[in-house]
Amino acid sequence: MCWFCCPFWMIVWPLALPIGLTGVVRGFIECRAASRQGVSRAQPLTGLALATVGTAAAVAYMIFLFTHPDLPIQE
């Protein structure tokens, strides 16, 4: 049994995808604002990286779920 089959992911991925996409957009906007103001971009880049990882995990699970629709039913 793989970690994609975990029931936790079935609950979390529909929430993680829009929140992650929002974080990616906000991180990109914050990075651009920081570069224009000449301040450190460490925090915006960290937020952007974490949001990207979360979004990628949600997308990976969504693809996995749609290609294996019988797996969440299995016990």
PDB file of N, CA and C in Angstrom:
ATOM      1  N   MET A   1       0.843  -1.181   0.000  1.00  0.00           N
ATOM      2  CA  MET A   1       0.000   0.000   0.000  1.00  0.00           C
ATOM      3  C   MET A   1       0.883   1.238   0.000  1.00  0.00           C
ATOM      4  N   CYS A   2       0.615   2.144  -0.884  1.00  0.00           N
ATOM      5  CA  CYS A   2       1.436   3.344  -0.993  1.00  0.00           C
ATOM      6  C   CYS A   2       0.863   4.483  -0.148  1.00  0.00           C
ATOM      7  N   TRP A   3       1.658   5.531   0.050  1.00  0.00           N
ATOM      8  CA  TRP A   3       1.215   6.637   0.896  1.00  0.00           C
ATOM      9  C   TRP A   3       0.116   7.445   0.244  1.00  0.00           C
ATOM     10  N   PHE A   4      -0.053   7.336  -1.087  1.00  0.00           N
ATOM     11  CA  PHE A   4      -1.149   8.037  -1.759  1.00  0.00           C
ATOM     12  C   PHE A   4      -2.513   7.496  -1.355  1.00  0.00           C
ATOM     13  N   CYS A   5      -2.557   6.265  -0.872  1.00  0.00           N
ATOM     14  CA  CYS A   5      -3.831   5.640  -0.526  1.00  0.00           C
ATOM     15  C   CYS A   5      -4.306   6.019   0.880  1.00  0.00           C
ATOM     16  N   CYS A   6      -3.567   6.834   1.564  1.00  0.00           N
ATOM     17  CA  CYS A   6      -3.904   7.233   2.925  1.00  0.00           C
ATOM     18  C   CYS A   6      -5.213   8.036   2.933  1.00  0.00           C
ATOM     19  N   PRO A   7      -6.154   7.712   3.826  1.00  0.00           N
ATOM     20  CA  PRO A   7      -7.421   8.456   3.882  1.00  0.00           C
ATOM     21  C   PRO A   7      -7.233   9.939   4.197  1.00  0.00           C
ATOM     22  N   PHE A   8      -6.168  10.281   4.880  1.00  0.00           N
ATOM     23  CA  PHE A   8      -5.888  11.686   5.177  1.00  0.00           C
ATOM     24  C   PHE A   8      -5.787  12.510   3.901  1.00  0.00           C
ATOM     25  N   TRP A   9      -5.120  11.959   2.879  1.00  0.00           N
ATOM     26  CA  TRP A   9      -4.977  12.674   1.616  1.00  0.00           C
ATOM     27  C   TRP A   9      -6.309  12.885   0.929  1.00  0.00           C
ATOM     28  N   MET A  10      -7.243  11.943   1.080  1.00  0.00           N
ATOM     29  CA  MET A  10      -8.554  12.102   0.454  1.00  0.00           C
ATOM     30  C   MET A  10      -9.306  13.290   1.037  1.00  0.00           C
ATOM     31  N   ILE A  11      -9.046  13.593   2.289  1.00  0.00           N
ATOM     32  CA  ILE A  11      -9.700  14.728   2.942  1.00  0.00           C
ATOM     33  C   ILE A  11      -8.974  16.030   2.623  1.00  0.00           C
ATOM     34  N   VAL A  12      -7.667  15.989   2.553  1.00  0.00           N
ATOM     35  CA  VAL A  12      -6.867  17.205   2.483  1.00  0.00           C
ATOM     36  C   VAL A  12      -6.698  17.766   1.066  1.00  0.00           C
ATOM     37  N   TRP A  13      -6.569  16.919   0.046  1.00  0.00           N
ATOM     38  CA  TRP A  13      -6.193  17.445  -1.265  1.00  0.00           C
ATOM     39  C   TRP A  13      -7.178  18.441  -1.850  1.00  0.00           C
ATOM     40  N   PRO A  14      -8.506  18.308  -1.657  1.00  0.00           N
ATOM     41  CA  PRO A  14      -9.380  19.340  -2.220  1.00  0.00           C
ATOM     42  C   PRO A  14      -9.185  20.719  -1.571  1.00  0.00           C
ATOM     43  N   LEU A  15      -8.698  20.737  -0.346  1.00  0.00           N
ATOM     44  CA  LEU A  15      -8.411  22.009   0.310  1.00  0.00           C
ATOM     45  C   LEU A  15      -7.003  22.500  -0.006  1.00  0.00           C
ATOM     46  N   ALA A  16      -6.071  21.578  -0.119  1.00  0.00           N
ATOM     47  CA  ALA A  16      -4.672  21.951  -0.342  1.00  0.00           C
ATOM     48  C   ALA A  16      -4.447  22.566  -1.717  1.00  0.00           C
ATOM     49  N   LEU A  17      -5.203  22.141  -2.705  1.00  0.00           N
ATOM     50  CA  LEU A  17      -4.981  22.651  -4.061  1.00  0.00           C
ATOM     51  C   LEU A  17      -5.297  24.139  -4.181  1.00  0.00           C
ATOM     52  N   PRO A  18      -6.500  24.613  -3.816  1.00  0.00           N
ATOM     53  CA  PRO A  18      -6.741  26.061  -3.952  1.00  0.00           C
ATOM     54  C   PRO A  18      -5.904  26.904  -2.991  1.00  0.00           C
ATOM     55  N   ILE A  19      -5.661  26.399  -1.789  1.00  0.00           N
ATOM     56  CA  ILE A  19      -4.840  27.151  -0.846  1.00  0.00           C
ATOM     57  C   ILE A  19      -3.402  27.229  -1.354  1.00  0.00           C
ATOM     58  N   GLY A  20      -2.893  26.144  -1.902  1.00  0.00           N
ATOM     59  CA  GLY A  20      -1.540  26.139  -2.449  1.00  0.00           C
ATOM     60  C   GLY A  20      -1.401  27.057  -3.644  1.00  0.00           C
ATOM     61  N   LEU A  21      -2.383  27.036  -4.535  1.00  0.00           N
ATOM     62  CA  LEU A  21      -2.338  27.930  -5.695  1.00  0.00           C
ATOM     63  C   LEU A  21      -2.386  29.397  -5.268  1.00  0.00           C
ATOM     64  N   THR A  22      -3.207  29.688  -4.270  1.00  0.00           N
ATOM     65  CA  THR A  22      -3.261  31.050  -3.734  1.00  0.00           C
ATOM     66  C   THR A  22      -1.915  31.441  -3.137  1.00  0.00           C
ATOM     67  N   GLY A  23      -1.281  30.521  -2.430  1.00  0.00           N
ATOM     68  CA  GLY A  23       0.035  30.786  -1.862  1.00  0.00           C
ATOM     69  C   GLY A  23       1.099  31.019  -2.917  1.00  0.00           C
ATOM     70  N   VAL A  24       1.025  30.282  -4.007  1.00  0.00           N
ATOM     71  CA  VAL A  24       1.992  30.470  -5.093  1.00  0.00           C
ATOM     72  C   VAL A  24       1.828  31.863  -5.700  1.00  0.00           C
ATOM     73  N   VAL A  25       0.596  32.261  -5.963  1.00  0.00           N
ATOM     74  CA  VAL A  25       0.346  33.586  -6.536  1.00  0.00           C
ATOM     75  C   VAL A  25       0.802  34.680  -5.567  1.00  0.00           C
ATOM     76  N   ARG A  26       0.443  34.530  -4.311  1.00  0.00           N
ATOM     77  CA  ARG A  26       0.834  35.540  -3.327  1.00  0.00           C
ATOM     78  C   ARG A  26       2.355  35.591  -3.154  1.00  0.00           C
ATOM     79  N   GLY A  27       3.012  34.442  -3.138  1.00  0.00           N
ATOM     80  CA  GLY A  27       4.466  34.408  -3.039  1.00  0.00           C
ATOM     81  C   GLY A  27       5.135  35.104  -4.205  1.00  0.00           C
ATOM     82  N   PHE A  28       4.593  34.887  -5.398  1.00  0.00           N
ATOM     83  CA  PHE A  28       5.143  35.545  -6.586  1.00  0.00           C
ATOM     84  C   PHE A  28       4.973  37.063  -6.482  1.00  0.00           C
ATOM     85  N   ILE A  29       3.793  37.505  -6.050  1.00  0.00           N
ATOM     86  CA  ILE A  29       3.536  38.939  -5.897  1.00  0.00           C
ATOM     87  C   ILE A  29       4.449  39.542  -4.835  1.00  0.00           C
ATOM     88  N   GLU A  30       4.623  38.837  -3.720  1.00  0.00           N
ATOM     89  CA  GLU A  30       5.493  39.335  -2.646  1.00  0.00           C
ATOM     90  C   GLU A  30       6.950  39.399  -3.089  1.00  0.00           C
ATOM     91  N   CYS A  31       7.406  38.433  -3.870  1.00  0.00           N
ATOM     92  CA  CYS A  31       8.784  38.458  -4.382  1.00  0.00           C
ATOM     93  C   CYS A  31       9.007  39.658  -5.294  1.00  0.00           C
ATOM     94  N   ARG A  32       8.050  39.925  -6.148  1.00  0.00           N
ATOM     95  CA  ARG A  32       8.179  41.083  -7.040  1.00  0.00           C
ATOM     96  C   ARG A  32       8.168  42.380  -6.265  1.00  0.00           C
ATOM     97  N   ALA A  33       7.305  42.474  -5.250  1.00  0.00           N
ATOM     98  CA  ALA A  33       7.248  43.687  -4.432  1.00  0.00           C
ATOM     99  C   ALA A  33       8.548  43.877  -3.655  1.00  0.00           C
ATOM    100  N   ALA A  34       9.105  42.795  -3.127  1.00  0.00           N
ATOM    101  CA  ALA A  34      10.353  42.883  -2.372  1.00  0.00           C
ATOM    102  C   ALA A  34      11.512  43.307  -3.270  1.00  0.00           C
ATOM    103  N   SER A  35      11.543  42.809  -4.482  1.00  0.00           N
ATOM    104  CA  SER A  35      12.644  43.182  -5.373  1.00  0.00           C
ATOM    105  C   SER A  35      12.535  44.641  -5.809  1.00  0.00           C
ATOM    106  N   ARG A  36      11.327  45.139  -5.940  1.00  0.00           N
ATOM    107  CA  ARG A  36      11.144  46.553  -6.318  1.00  0.00           C
ATOM    108  C   ARG A  36      11.533  47.486  -5.175  1.00  0.00           C
ATOM    109  N   GLN A  37      11.290  47.043  -3.940  1.00  0.00           N
ATOM    110  CA  GLN A  37      11.589  47.890  -2.785  1.00  0.00           C
ATOM    111  C   GLN A  37      13.027  47.720  -2.322  1.00  0.00           C
ATOM    112  N   GLY A  38      13.733  46.763  -2.844  1.00  0.00           N
ATOM    113  CA  GLY A  38      15.126  46.552  -2.480  1.00  0.00           C
ATOM    114  C   GLY A  38      15.319  45.921  -1.109  1.00  0.00           C
ATOM    115  N   VAL A  39      14.344  45.163  -0.639  1.00  0.00           N
ATOM    116  CA  VAL A  39      14.457  44.491   0.660  1.00  0.00           C
ATOM    117  C   VAL A  39      14.720  43.008   0.439  1.00  0.00           C
ATOM    118  N   SER A  40      14.981  42.290   1.529  1.00  0.00           N
ATOM    119  CA  SER A  40      15.290  40.869   1.450  1.00  0.00           C
ATOM    120  C   SER A  40      14.104  40.082   0.902  1.00  0.00           C
ATOM    121  N   ARG A  41      14.420  39.140   0.036  1.00  0.00           N
ATOM    122  CA  ARG A  41      13.375  38.294  -0.539  1.00  0.00           C
ATOM    123  C   ARG A  41      13.356  36.913   0.085  1.00  0.00           C
ATOM    124  N   ALA A  42      14.005  36.724   1.220  1.00  0.00           N
ATOM    125  CA  ALA A  42      14.096  35.391   1.828  1.00  0.00           C
ATOM    126  C   ALA A  42      12.728  34.866   2.247  1.00  0.00           C
ATOM    127  N   GLN A  43      11.944  35.666   2.937  1.00  0.00           N
ATOM    128  CA  GLN A  43      10.625  35.196   3.384  1.00  0.00           C
ATOM    129  C   GLN A  43       9.677  34.928   2.223  1.00  0.00           C
ATOM    130  N   PRO A  44       9.559  35.851   1.254  1.00  0.00           N
ATOM    131  CA  PRO A  44       8.675  35.533   0.118  1.00  0.00           C
ATOM    132  C   PRO A  44       9.106  34.297  -0.659  1.00  0.00           C
ATOM    133  N   LEU A  45      10.417  34.095  -0.812  1.00  0.00           N
ATOM    134  CA  LEU A  45      10.890  32.914  -1.538  1.00  0.00           C
ATOM    135  C   LEU A  45      10.610  31.630  -0.758  1.00  0.00           C
ATOM    136  N   THR A  46      10.741  31.698   0.554  1.00  0.00           N
ATOM    137  CA  THR A  46      10.429  30.523   1.384  1.00  0.00           C
ATOM    138  C   THR A  46       8.944  30.185   1.281  1.00  0.00           C
ATOM    139  N   GLY A  47       8.091  31.195   1.385  1.00  0.00           N
ATOM    140  CA  GLY A  47       6.649  30.969   1.244  1.00  0.00           C
ATOM    141  C   GLY A  47       6.283  30.441  -0.125  1.00  0.00           C
ATOM    142  N   LEU A  48       6.922  30.974  -1.143  1.00  0.00           N
ATOM    143  CA  LEU A  48       6.672  30.511  -2.509  1.00  0.00           C
ATOM    144  C   LEU A  48       7.093  29.058  -2.678  1.00  0.00           C
ATOM    145  N   ALA A  49       8.236  28.697  -2.120  1.00  0.00           N
ATOM    146  CA  ALA A  49       8.713  27.316  -2.227  1.00  0.00           C
ATOM    147  C   ALA A  49       7.784  26.350  -1.496  1.00  0.00           C
ATOM    148  N   LEU A  50       7.359  26.703  -0.295  1.00  0.00           N
ATOM    149  CA  LEU A  50       6.455  25.826   0.460  1.00  0.00           C
ATOM    150  C   LEU A  50       5.091  25.694  -0.217  1.00  0.00           C
ATOM    151  N   ALA A  51       4.579  26.787  -0.743  1.00  0.00           N
ATOM    152  CA  ALA A  51       3.296  26.734  -1.444  1.00  0.00           C
ATOM    153  C   ALA A  51       3.410  25.881  -2.704  1.00  0.00           C
ATOM    154  N   THR A  52       4.539  25.975  -3.390  1.00  0.00           N
ATOM    155  CA  THR A  52       4.747  25.177  -4.601  1.00  0.00           C
ATOM    156  C   THR A  52       4.807  23.686  -4.272  1.00  0.00           C
ATOM    157  N   VAL A  53       5.484  23.348  -3.188  1.00  0.00           N
ATOM    158  CA  VAL A  53       5.565  21.938  -2.780  1.00  0.00           C
ATOM    159  C   VAL A  53       4.175  21.408  -2.413  1.00  0.00           C
ATOM    160  N   GLY A  54       3.407  22.179  -1.662  1.00  0.00           N
ATOM    161  CA  GLY A  54       2.052  21.757  -1.290  1.00  0.00           C
ATOM    162  C   GLY A  54       1.143  21.605  -2.489  1.00  0.00           C
ATOM    163  N   THR A  55       1.244  22.544  -3.411  1.00  0.00           N
ATOM    164  CA  THR A  55       0.434  22.465  -4.625  1.00  0.00           C
ATOM    165  C   THR A  55       0.836  21.268  -5.472  1.00  0.00           C
ATOM    166  N   ALA A  56       2.122  21.017  -5.589  1.00  0.00           N
ATOM    167  CA  ALA A  56       2.595  19.869  -6.374  1.00  0.00           C
ATOM    168  C   ALA A  56       2.120  18.556  -5.761  1.00  0.00           C
ATOM    169  N   ALA A  57       2.119  18.466  -4.441  1.00  0.00           N
ATOM    170  CA  ALA A  57       1.634  17.246  -3.789  1.00  0.00           C
ATOM    171  C   ALA A  57       0.143  17.052  -4.036  1.00  0.00           C
ATOM    172  N   ALA A  58      -0.629  18.130  -3.964  1.00  0.00           N
ATOM    173  CA  ALA A  58      -2.072  18.021  -4.213  1.00  0.00           C
ATOM    174  C   ALA A  58      -2.349  17.638  -5.661  1.00  0.00           C
ATOM    175  N   VAL A  59      -1.618  18.208  -6.587  1.00  0.00           N
ATOM    176  CA  VAL A  59      -1.791  17.870  -8.005  1.00  0.00           C
ATOM    177  C   VAL A  59      -1.379  16.425  -8.262  1.00  0.00           C
ATOM    178  N   ALA A  60      -0.291  15.990  -7.651  1.00  0.00           N
ATOM    179  CA  ALA A  60       0.150  14.598  -7.822  1.00  0.00           C
ATOM    180  C   ALA A  60      -0.905  13.629  -7.309  1.00  0.00           C
ATOM    181  N   TYR A  61      -1.503  13.941  -6.162  1.00  0.00           N
ATOM    182  CA  TYR A  61      -2.536  13.051  -5.644  1.00  0.00           C
ATOM    183  C   TYR A  61      -3.773  13.085  -6.523  1.00  0.00           C
ATOM    184  N   MET A  62      -4.144  14.266  -7.024  1.00  0.00           N
ATOM    185  CA  MET A  62      -5.310  14.366  -7.896  1.00  0.00           C
ATOM    186  C   MET A  62      -5.103  13.525  -9.155  1.00  0.00           C
ATOM    187  N   ILE A  63      -3.930  13.601  -9.750  1.00  0.00           N
ATOM    188  CA  ILE A  63      -3.639  12.796 -10.945  1.00  0.00           C
ATOM    189  C   ILE A  63      -3.672  11.309 -10.600  1.00  0.00           C
ATOM    190  N   PHE A  64      -3.058  10.945  -9.476  1.00  0.00           N
ATOM    191  CA  PHE A  64      -3.056   9.555  -9.049  1.00  0.00           C
ATOM    192  C   PHE A  64      -4.485   9.045  -8.831  1.00  0.00           C
ATOM    193  N   LEU A  65      -5.305   9.849  -8.189  1.00  0.00           N
ATOM    194  CA  LEU A  65      -6.675   9.446  -7.888  1.00  0.00           C
ATOM    195  C   LEU A  65      -7.508   9.274  -9.155  1.00  0.00           C
ATOM    196  N   PHE A  66      -7.316  10.179 -10.108  1.00  0.00           N
ATOM    197  CA  PHE A  66      -8.093  10.076 -11.347  1.00  0.00           C
ATOM    198  C   PHE A  66      -7.625   8.939 -12.239  1.00  0.00           C
ATOM    199  N   THR A  67      -6.385   8.521 -12.110  1.00  0.00           N
ATOM    200  CA  THR A  67      -5.910   7.395 -12.915  1.00  0.00           C
ATOM    201  C   THR A  67      -6.148   6.054 -12.224  1.00  0.00           C
ATOM    202  N   HIS A  68      -6.420   6.075 -10.905  1.00  0.00           N
ATOM    203  CA  HIS A  68      -6.710   4.858 -10.145  1.00  0.00           C
ATOM    204  C   HIS A  68      -7.983   5.064  -9.316  1.00  0.00           C
ATOM    205  N   PRO A  69      -9.136   5.161  -9.936  1.00  0.00           N
ATOM    206  CA  PRO A  69     -10.367   5.483  -9.184  1.00  0.00           C
ATOM    207  C   PRO A  69     -10.815   4.395  -8.219  1.00  0.00           C
ATOM    208  N   ASP A  70     -10.333   3.183  -8.357  1.00  0.00           N
ATOM    209  CA  ASP A  70     -10.761   2.091  -7.473  1.00  0.00           C
ATOM    210  C   ASP A  70      -9.988   2.052  -6.154  1.00  0.00           C
ATOM    211  N   LEU A  71      -8.865   2.730  -6.048  1.00  0.00           N
ATOM    212  CA  LEU A  71      -8.033   2.624  -4.843  1.00  0.00           C
ATOM    213  C   LEU A  71      -8.654   3.178  -3.568  1.00  0.00           C
ATOM    214  N   PRO A  72      -9.321   4.327  -3.566  1.00  0.00           N
ATOM    215  CA  PRO A  72      -9.882   4.812  -2.291  1.00  0.00           C
ATOM    216  C   PRO A  72     -10.957   3.882  -1.701  1.00  0.00           C
ATOM    217  N   ILE A  73     -11.544   3.043  -2.539  1.00  0.00           N
ATOM    218  CA  ILE A  73     -12.589   2.135  -2.073  1.00  0.00           C
ATOM    219  C   ILE A  73     -11.983   0.931  -1.360  1.00  0.00           C
ATOM    220  N   GLN A  74     -10.758   0.556  -1.731  1.00  0.00           N
ATOM    221  CA  GLN A  74     -10.123  -0.614  -1.145  1.00  0.00           C
ATOM    222  C   GLN A  74      -9.794  -0.382   0.327  1.00  0.00           C
ATOM    223  N   GLU A  75      -9.837  -1.454   1.098  1.00  0.00           N
ATOM    224  CA  GLU A  75      -9.476  -1.359   2.512  1.00  0.00           C
ATOM    225  C   GLU A  75      -8.202  -2.090   2.784  1.00  0.00           C
TER     226      GLU A  75
END
